[in-house]
Amino acid sequence: MSERMGRSRALFRLTGQSLAYGRQRVLDDISLSIRKGEKVALLGPSGAGKSSLLNLLYSLQPQQSALQPQGGGLVDLLSVYQNIFIGALDRVGNLPALWNLLRPLPVHRRAITEVAQQLGLEDKLWQSVDRLSGGQRQRVAIGRALYRRQPVFLGDEPVSSVDPLQAETLLGHLLEQHETAVVSLHNRGLALDHFDRILVLRDGRIRCDCAARELSPADLDDFYQQEASPARRRPFPTVTAG
């Protein structure tokens, strides 16, 4: 009984939420509830508002969430080890964190080495990330998110730079390691195969909020091809996240 109630409780809730940067509206009248335990895929063309929605969700639950932004958000001059360790900064004190960046502590060294092995990065652990390929950098960002050890994963195209087989494996691992996930993707097959719920955004609005089992690739193609409604083009006030 208590487990069912925990899963039904809204972890994220937005009601009529809109967001603009200056005069540019990026989210328009978003009403959304995401429960604990849900795995939600965000789909939509570039510029649809997926990144803005992920950032807004993160602002609502920063202490419970691991955010992997588009591009990874890595520190180029730091090593793979140091970039993964950044995921732990919120749970270690300032002095241990500083010391570990300069001289790795055994407990973190063992744990991060294990994460790197899972991601195929063990031979890159002490290289600076500016020397890595795009796919390797993306795996480092995944490692940092995993090392944050939070129940919620918010990912903005987290596997877009790796080959399809790796993408399938890495995405499955991320979803397995996080109780709740909201992930932006361009690969519709991954969305249908790995998620229980799909949101399709276009022009800052939710055009579809459906169970993945109710959708086909053709259905998703139709949502991508829909034209924006005339109402979307009228001015809309900015509302900040509450």
C-alpha atoms as a PDB file:
ATOM      1  CA  MET A   1       0.000   0.000   0.000  1.00  0.00           C
ATOM      2  CA  SER A   2       2.683   2.528   1.004  1.00  0.00           C
ATOM      3  CA  GLU A   3       4.777   1.601  -2.053  1.00  0.00           C
ATOM      4  CA  ARG A   4       1.842   2.272  -4.381  1.00  0.00           C
ATOM      5  CA  MET A   5       1.192   5.612  -2.686  1.00  0.00           C
ATOM      6  CA  GLY A   6       4.887   6.560  -3.055  1.00  0.00           C
ATOM      7  CA  ARG A   7       4.815   5.814  -6.754  1.00  0.00           C
ATOM      8  CA  SER A   8       1.613   7.809  -7.283  1.00  0.00           C
ATOM      9  CA  ARG A   9       2.877  10.955  -5.527  1.00  0.00           C
ATOM     10  CA  ALA A  10       3.859  13.738  -7.933  1.00  0.00           C
ATOM     11  CA  LEU A  11       7.592  14.359  -7.873  1.00  0.00           C
ATOM     12  CA  PHE A  12       7.336  17.188 -10.401  1.00  0.00           C
ATOM     13  CA  ARG A  13       4.227  19.264 -10.996  1.00  0.00           C
ATOM     14  CA  LEU A  14       3.770  22.193 -13.387  1.00  0.00           C
ATOM     15  CA  THR A  15       0.463  23.998 -13.906  1.00  0.00           C
ATOM     16  CA  GLY A  16       0.085  26.471 -16.769  1.00  0.00           C
ATOM     17  CA  GLN A  17       3.831  27.123 -16.704  1.00  0.00           C
ATOM     18  CA  SER A  18       5.396  29.404 -19.297  1.00  0.00           C
ATOM     19  CA  LEU A  19       8.960  30.609 -19.664  1.00  0.00           C
ATOM     20  CA  ALA A  20      10.651  33.238 -21.798  1.00  0.00           C
ATOM     21  CA  TYR A  21      14.178  34.532 -22.228  1.00  0.00           C
ATOM     22  CA  GLY A  22      13.762  38.199 -23.011  1.00  0.00           C
ATOM     23  CA  ARG A  23      11.141  38.397 -25.757  1.00  0.00           C
ATOM     24  CA  GLN A  24      11.583  34.779 -26.819  1.00  0.00           C
ATOM     25  CA  ARG A  25       9.013  32.390 -25.383  1.00  0.00           C
ATOM     26  CA  VAL A  26      10.462  28.888 -24.973  1.00  0.00           C
ATOM     27  CA  LEU A  27       7.757  27.150 -22.910  1.00  0.00           C
ATOM     28  CA  ASP A  28       4.078  27.911 -23.310  1.00  0.00           C
ATOM     29  CA  ASP A  29       1.317  26.881 -20.876  1.00  0.00           C
ATOM     30  CA  ILE A  30       2.932  23.636 -19.696  1.00  0.00           C
ATOM     31  CA  SER A  31       0.838  21.528 -17.332  1.00  0.00           C
ATOM     32  CA  LEU A  32       2.626  18.366 -16.324  1.00  0.00           C
ATOM     33  CA  SER A  33       2.855  15.885 -13.465  1.00  0.00           C
ATOM     34  CA  ILE A  34       5.620  13.286 -13.176  1.00  0.00           C
ATOM     35  CA  ARG A  35       5.378  10.617 -10.492  1.00  0.00           C
ATOM     36  CA  LYS A  36       8.146   8.947  -8.565  1.00  0.00           C
ATOM     37  CA  GLY A  37       9.295   5.875 -10.481  1.00  0.00           C
ATOM     38  CA  GLU A  38       8.269   7.052 -13.956  1.00  0.00           C
ATOM     39  CA  LYS A  39      10.606   6.888 -16.949  1.00  0.00           C
ATOM     40  CA  VAL A  40       9.661   9.724 -19.321  1.00  0.00           C
ATOM     41  CA  ALA A  41      11.124  10.439 -22.772  1.00  0.00           C
ATOM     42  CA  LEU A  42      11.015  13.967 -24.212  1.00  0.00           C
ATOM     43  CA  LEU A  43      10.777  14.110 -27.988  1.00  0.00           C
ATOM     44  CA  GLY A  44      10.396  16.950 -30.448  1.00  0.00           C
ATOM     45  CA  PRO A  45      12.307  18.894 -33.094  1.00  0.00           C
ATOM     46  CA  SER A  46      15.269  21.105 -32.241  1.00  0.00           C
ATOM     47  CA  GLY A  47      14.090  24.277 -30.537  1.00  0.00           C
ATOM     48  CA  ALA A  48      10.911  22.650 -29.234  1.00  0.00           C
ATOM     49  CA  GLY A  49      11.723  23.522 -25.614  1.00  0.00           C
ATOM     50  CA  LYS A  50      13.074  20.178 -24.363  1.00  0.00           C
ATOM     51  CA  SER A  51      16.249  21.626 -22.798  1.00  0.00           C
ATOM     52  CA  SER A  52      14.296  24.443 -21.159  1.00  0.00           C
ATOM     53  CA  LEU A  53      11.814  21.979 -19.682  1.00  0.00           C
ATOM     54  CA  LEU A  54      14.601  19.791 -18.279  1.00  0.00           C
ATOM     55  CA  ASN A  55      16.282  22.811 -16.683  1.00  0.00           C
ATOM     56  CA  LEU A  56      12.961  23.893 -15.196  1.00  0.00           C
ATOM     57  CA  LEU A  57      12.376  20.439 -13.721  1.00  0.00           C
ATOM     58  CA  TYR A  58      15.883  20.443 -12.261  1.00  0.00           C
ATOM     59  CA  SER A  59      15.214  23.783 -10.563  1.00  0.00           C
ATOM     60  CA  LEU A  60      12.261  22.164  -8.773  1.00  0.00           C
ATOM     61  CA  GLN A  61      14.238  19.199  -7.351  1.00  0.00           C
ATOM     62  CA  PRO A  62      17.974  20.028  -7.482  1.00  0.00           C
ATOM     63  CA  GLN A  63      18.854  18.041  -4.365  1.00  0.00           C
ATOM     64  CA  GLN A  64      17.345  14.816  -5.721  1.00  0.00           C
ATOM     65  CA  SER A  65      18.441  15.088  -9.337  1.00  0.00           C
ATOM     66  CA  ALA A  66      21.467  14.378 -11.497  1.00  0.00           C
ATOM     67  CA  LEU A  67      21.372  16.653 -14.538  1.00  0.00           C
ATOM     68  CA  GLN A  68      23.321  15.808 -17.683  1.00  0.00           C
ATOM     69  CA  PRO A  69      23.048  18.934 -19.853  1.00  0.00           C
ATOM     70  CA  GLN A  70      23.405  18.927 -23.605  1.00  0.00           C
ATOM     71  CA  GLY A  71      27.114  19.022 -24.374  1.00  0.00           C
ATOM     72  CA  GLY A  72      27.952  17.353 -21.054  1.00  0.00           C
ATOM     73  CA  GLY A  73      29.061  20.420 -19.081  1.00  0.00           C
ATOM     74  CA  LEU A  74      32.548  18.973 -18.533  1.00  0.00           C
ATOM     75  CA  VAL A  75      35.629  20.897 -17.355  1.00  0.00           C
ATOM     76  CA  ASP A  76      38.059  20.418 -20.242  1.00  0.00           C
ATOM     77  CA  LEU A  77      41.327  20.823 -18.342  1.00  0.00           C
ATOM     78  CA  LEU A  78      40.389  18.316 -15.642  1.00  0.00           C
ATOM     79  CA  SER A  79      40.901  14.585 -15.995  1.00  0.00           C
ATOM     80  CA  VAL A  80      38.201  11.985 -16.530  1.00  0.00           C
ATOM     81  CA  TYR A  81      38.598  11.034 -12.851  1.00  0.00           C
ATOM     82  CA  GLN A  82      38.163  14.637 -11.676  1.00  0.00           C
ATOM     83  CA  ASN A  83      35.139  15.258 -13.896  1.00  0.00           C
ATOM     84  CA  ILE A  84      33.395  12.150 -12.594  1.00  0.00           C
ATOM     85  CA  PHE A  85      34.282  13.091  -9.007  1.00  0.00           C
ATOM     86  CA  ILE A  86      32.508  16.453  -9.489  1.00  0.00           C
ATOM     87  CA  GLY A  87      29.280  14.460  -9.211  1.00  0.00           C
ATOM     88  CA  ALA A  88      30.088  13.867  -5.524  1.00  0.00           C
ATOM     89  CA  LEU A  89      30.827  17.472  -4.538  1.00  0.00           C
ATOM     90  CA  ASP A  90      27.454  17.999  -2.854  1.00  0.00           C
ATOM     91  CA  ARG A  91      27.894  15.029  -0.535  1.00  0.00           C
ATOM     92  CA  VAL A  92      31.522  15.543   0.591  1.00  0.00           C
ATOM     93  CA  GLY A  93      32.988  18.391   2.591  1.00  0.00           C
ATOM     94  CA  ASN A  94      34.972  21.226   1.014  1.00  0.00           C
ATOM     95  CA  LEU A  95      38.339  20.105   2.373  1.00  0.00           C
ATOM     96  CA  PRO A  96      38.013  16.433   1.318  1.00  0.00           C
ATOM     97  CA  ALA A  97      36.766  17.562  -2.083  1.00  0.00           C
ATOM     98  CA  LEU A  98      39.746  19.857  -2.631  1.00  0.00           C
ATOM     99  CA  TRP A  99      42.188  17.227  -1.404  1.00  0.00           C
ATOM    100  CA  ASN A 100      40.636  14.551  -3.623  1.00  0.00           C
ATOM    101  CA  LEU A 101      40.974  16.720  -6.708  1.00  0.00           C
ATOM    102  CA  LEU A 102      44.687  17.119  -5.975  1.00  0.00           C
ATOM    103  CA  ARG A 103      45.404  13.653  -4.560  1.00  0.00           C
ATOM    104  CA  PRO A 104      42.640  11.062  -5.020  1.00  0.00           C
ATOM    105  CA  LEU A 105      41.313   9.533  -1.831  1.00  0.00           C
ATOM    106  CA  PRO A 106      41.321   5.691  -1.905  1.00  0.00           C
ATOM    107  CA  VAL A 107      37.562   5.338  -1.379  1.00  0.00           C
ATOM    108  CA  HIS A 108      36.748   7.645  -4.312  1.00  0.00           C
ATOM    109  CA  ARG A 109      39.513   6.244  -6.469  1.00  0.00           C
ATOM    110  CA  ARG A 110      38.104   2.723  -6.119  1.00  0.00           C
ATOM    111  CA  ALA A 111      34.505   3.816  -6.732  1.00  0.00           C
ATOM    112  CA  ILE A 112      35.321   6.013  -9.736  1.00  0.00           C
ATOM    113  CA  THR A 113      37.562   3.342 -11.240  1.00  0.00           C
ATOM    114  CA  GLU A 114      34.596   0.965 -11.069  1.00  0.00           C
ATOM    115  CA  VAL A 115      32.340   3.534 -12.785  1.00  0.00           C
ATOM    116  CA  ALA A 116      34.976   4.103 -15.473  1.00  0.00           C
ATOM    117  CA  GLN A 117      35.250   0.344 -16.087  1.00  0.00           C
ATOM    118  CA  GLN A 118      31.486   0.095 -16.537  1.00  0.00           C
ATOM    119  CA  LEU A 119      31.672   2.868 -19.136  1.00  0.00           C
ATOM    120  CA  GLY A 120      34.762   1.598 -20.954  1.00  0.00           C
ATOM    121  CA  LEU A 121      36.890   4.523 -19.767  1.00  0.00           C
ATOM    122  CA  GLU A 122      39.345   2.820 -17.401  1.00  0.00           C
ATOM    123  CA  ASP A 123      42.299   3.498 -19.738  1.00  0.00           C
ATOM    124  CA  LYS A 124      41.348   7.199 -19.985  1.00  0.00           C
ATOM    125  CA  LEU A 125      40.927   7.880 -16.264  1.00  0.00           C
ATOM    126  CA  TRP A 126      43.872  10.276 -15.917  1.00  0.00           C
ATOM    127  CA  GLN A 127      43.575  12.008 -19.298  1.00  0.00           C
ATOM    128  CA  SER A 128      42.126  15.494 -19.538  1.00  0.00           C
ATOM    129  CA  VAL A 129      38.732  15.363 -21.214  1.00  0.00           C
ATOM    130  CA  ASP A 130      39.757  17.841 -23.929  1.00  0.00           C
ATOM    131  CA  ARG A 131      41.726  14.938 -25.474  1.00  0.00           C
ATOM    132  CA  LEU A 132      38.704  12.660 -25.760  1.00  0.00           C
ATOM    133  CA  SER A 133      36.307  11.974 -28.613  1.00  0.00           C
ATOM    134  CA  GLY A 134      32.718  13.170 -28.501  1.00  0.00           C
ATOM    135  CA  GLY A 135      31.459   9.726 -27.511  1.00  0.00           C
ATOM    136  CA  GLN A 136      34.056   9.374 -24.764  1.00  0.00           C
ATOM    137  CA  ARG A 137      33.185  12.807 -23.383  1.00  0.00           C
ATOM    138  CA  GLN A 138      29.541  11.819 -23.281  1.00  0.00           C
ATOM    139  CA  ARG A 139      30.413   8.700 -21.308  1.00  0.00           C
ATOM    140  CA  VAL A 140      32.351  10.856 -18.824  1.00  0.00           C
ATOM    141  CA  ALA A 141      29.236  13.023 -18.371  1.00  0.00           C
ATOM    142  CA  ILE A 142      27.217   9.859 -17.762  1.00  0.00           C
ATOM    143  CA  GLY A 143      29.803   8.788 -15.174  1.00  0.00           C
ATOM    144  CA  ARG A 144      29.485  12.112 -13.383  1.00  0.00           C
ATOM    145  CA  ALA A 145      25.687  11.765 -13.287  1.00  0.00           C
ATOM    146  CA  LEU A 146      25.975   8.212 -11.934  1.00  0.00           C
ATOM    147  CA  TYR A 147      28.460   9.327  -9.277  1.00  0.00           C
ATOM    148  CA  ARG A 148      26.039  11.981  -8.080  1.00  0.00           C
ATOM    149  CA  ARG A 149      23.994   9.029  -6.732  1.00  0.00           C
ATOM    150  CA  GLN A 150      20.598  10.688  -6.809  1.00  0.00           C
ATOM    151  CA  PRO A 151      17.232   9.001  -7.433  1.00  0.00           C
ATOM    152  CA  VAL A 152      16.303  11.248 -10.385  1.00  0.00           C
ATOM    153  CA  PHE A 153      18.131  11.486 -13.717  1.00  0.00           C
ATOM    154  CA  LEU A 154      17.441  14.414 -16.053  1.00  0.00           C
ATOM    155  CA  GLY A 155      19.312  13.924 -19.326  1.00  0.00           C
ATOM    156  CA  ASP A 156      19.502  16.172 -22.382  1.00  0.00           C
ATOM    157  CA  GLU A 157      20.499  13.924 -25.299  1.00  0.00           C
ATOM    158  CA  PRO A 158      22.763  11.854 -23.001  1.00  0.00           C
ATOM    159  CA  VAL A 159      23.702   9.205 -25.601  1.00  0.00           C
ATOM    160  CA  SER A 160      23.565  11.159 -28.873  1.00  0.00           C
ATOM    161  CA  SER A 161      27.320  10.938 -29.577  1.00  0.00           C
ATOM    162  CA  VAL A 162      27.808   7.189 -29.185  1.00  0.00           C
ATOM    163  CA  ASP A 163      27.034   4.421 -31.657  1.00  0.00           C
ATOM    164  CA  PRO A 164      23.572   2.810 -31.596  1.00  0.00           C
ATOM    165  CA  LEU A 165      24.649  -0.333 -29.716  1.00  0.00           C
ATOM    166  CA  GLN A 166      26.437   1.703 -27.028  1.00  0.00           C
ATOM    167  CA  ALA A 167      23.470   4.081 -26.834  1.00  0.00           C
ATOM    168  CA  GLU A 168      21.137   1.180 -26.104  1.00  0.00           C
ATOM    169  CA  THR A 169      23.435  -0.206 -23.396  1.00  0.00           C
ATOM    170  CA  LEU A 170      24.252   3.134 -21.744  1.00  0.00           C
ATOM    171  CA  LEU A 171      20.660   4.321 -21.704  1.00  0.00           C
ATOM    172  CA  GLY A 172      19.536   1.037 -20.167  1.00  0.00           C
ATOM    173  CA  HIS A 173      22.207   1.396 -17.472  1.00  0.00           C
ATOM    174  CA  LEU A 174      21.181   4.969 -16.679  1.00  0.00           C
ATOM    175  CA  LEU A 175      17.531   4.018 -16.345  1.00  0.00           C
ATOM    176  CA  GLU A 176      18.395   1.017 -14.189  1.00  0.00           C
ATOM    177  CA  GLN A 177      20.477   3.141 -11.807  1.00  0.00           C
ATOM    178  CA  HIS A 178      17.863   5.894 -11.323  1.00  0.00           C
ATOM    179  CA  GLU A 179      14.413   5.441  -9.869  1.00  0.00           C
ATOM    180  CA  THR A 180      12.902   8.260 -11.929  1.00  0.00           C
ATOM    181  CA  ALA A 181      14.136   9.645 -15.256  1.00  0.00           C
ATOM    182  CA  VAL A 182      13.182  12.357 -17.731  1.00  0.00           C
ATOM    183  CA  VAL A 183      15.339  12.159 -20.842  1.00  0.00           C
ATOM    184  CA  SER A 184      15.401  14.196 -24.038  1.00  0.00           C
ATOM    185  CA  LEU A 185      16.072  12.107 -27.144  1.00  0.00           C
ATOM    186  CA  HIS A 186      16.089  12.365 -30.911  1.00  0.00           C
ATOM    187  CA  ASN A 187      16.097   8.584 -31.347  1.00  0.00           C
ATOM    188  CA  ARG A 188      12.425   7.648 -31.329  1.00  0.00           C
ATOM    189  CA  GLY A 189      13.186   3.923 -31.267  1.00  0.00           C
ATOM    190  CA  LEU A 190      15.020   4.291 -27.954  1.00  0.00           C
ATOM    191  CA  ALA A 191      12.089   6.251 -26.576  1.00  0.00           C
ATOM    192  CA  LEU A 192       9.564   3.591 -27.535  1.00  0.00           C
ATOM    193  CA  ASP A 193      11.726   0.694 -26.336  1.00  0.00           C
ATOM    194  CA  HIS A 194      12.995   2.019 -23.001  1.00  0.00           C
ATOM    195  CA  PHE A 195      10.377   4.403 -21.576  1.00  0.00           C
ATOM    196  CA  ASP A 196       6.881   3.959 -20.208  1.00  0.00           C
ATOM    197  CA  ARG A 197       5.724   7.491 -21.086  1.00  0.00           C
ATOM    198  CA  ILE A 198       6.473   9.860 -23.966  1.00  0.00           C
ATOM    199  CA  LEU A 199       6.048  13.630 -24.147  1.00  0.00           C
ATOM    200  CA  VAL A 200       6.287  15.294 -27.557  1.00  0.00           C
ATOM    201  CA  LEU A 201       7.052  19.025 -27.496  1.00  0.00           C
ATOM    202  CA  ARG A 202       6.709  21.448 -30.380  1.00  0.00           C
ATOM    203  CA  ASP A 203       7.001  25.245 -30.222  1.00  0.00           C
ATOM    204  CA  GLY A 204       7.203  25.158 -26.444  1.00  0.00           C
ATOM    205  CA  ARG A 205       3.967  23.228 -25.965  1.00  0.00           C
ATOM    206  CA  ILE A 206       3.167  19.626 -25.137  1.00  0.00           C
ATOM    207  CA  ARG A 207       1.569  18.070 -28.226  1.00  0.00           C
ATOM    208  CA  CYS A 208       1.434  14.523 -26.888  1.00  0.00           C
ATOM    209  CA  ASP A 209       1.550  12.983 -23.418  1.00  0.00           C
ATOM    210  CA  CYS A 210       0.993   9.263 -23.903  1.00  0.00           C
ATOM    211  CA  ALA A 211       2.013   5.848 -22.669  1.00  0.00           C
ATOM    212  CA  ALA A 212       4.769   4.507 -24.926  1.00  0.00           C
ATOM    213  CA  ARG A 213       2.786   1.327 -25.556  1.00  0.00           C
ATOM    214  CA  GLU A 214       0.040   3.419 -27.172  1.00  0.00           C
ATOM    215  CA  LEU A 215       2.359   4.926 -29.787  1.00  0.00           C
ATOM    216  CA  SER A 216       4.051   3.728 -32.969  1.00  0.00           C
ATOM    217  CA  PRO A 217       6.919   5.288 -34.946  1.00  0.00           C
ATOM    218  CA  ALA A 218       4.332   6.545 -37.446  1.00  0.00           C
ATOM    219  CA  ASP A 219       2.392   8.280 -34.663  1.00  0.00           C
ATOM    220  CA  LEU A 220       5.556  10.084 -33.549  1.00  0.00           C
ATOM    221  CA  ASP A 221       6.293  11.128 -37.143  1.00  0.00           C
ATOM    222  CA  ASP A 222       2.836  12.724 -37.302  1.00  0.00           C
ATOM    223  CA  PHE A 223       3.504  14.803 -34.183  1.00  0.00           C
ATOM    224  CA  TYR A 224       6.806  16.040 -35.609  1.00  0.00           C
ATOM    225  CA  GLN A 225       5.099  17.139 -38.815  1.00  0.00           C
ATOM    226  CA  GLN A 226       2.215  19.054 -37.244  1.00  0.00           C
ATOM    227  CA  GLU A 227       2.182  22.783 -37.936  1.00  0.00           C
ATOM    228  CA  ALA A 228       2.182  25.214 -35.035  1.00  0.00           C
ATOM    229  CA  SER A 229      -1.286  26.596 -34.315  1.00  0.00           C
ATOM    230  CA  PRO A 230      -1.976  30.331 -34.924  1.00  0.00           C
ATOM    231  CA  ALA A 231      -2.627  30.770 -31.179  1.00  0.00           C
ATOM    232  CA  ARG A 232       1.001  29.813 -30.530  1.00  0.00           C
ATOM    233  CA  ARG A 233       2.202  32.978 -32.321  1.00  0.00           C
ATOM    234  CA  ARG A 234       0.450  35.519 -30.103  1.00  0.00           C
ATOM    235  CA  PRO A 235       2.394  37.217 -27.268  1.00  0.00           C
ATOM    236  CA  PHE A 236       2.359  35.323 -23.996  1.00  0.00           C
ATOM    237  CA  PRO A 237       3.394  36.557 -20.548  1.00  0.00           C
ATOM    238  CA  THR A 238       6.437  35.128 -18.792  1.00  0.00           C
ATOM    239  CA  VAL A 239       5.813  33.109 -15.629  1.00  0.00           C
ATOM    240  CA  THR A 240       8.739  32.036 -13.486  1.00  0.00           C
ATOM    241  CA  ALA A 241       8.977  28.639 -11.832  1.00  0.00           C
ATOM    242  CA  GLY A 242       7.438  28.481  -8.382  1.00  0.00           C
END
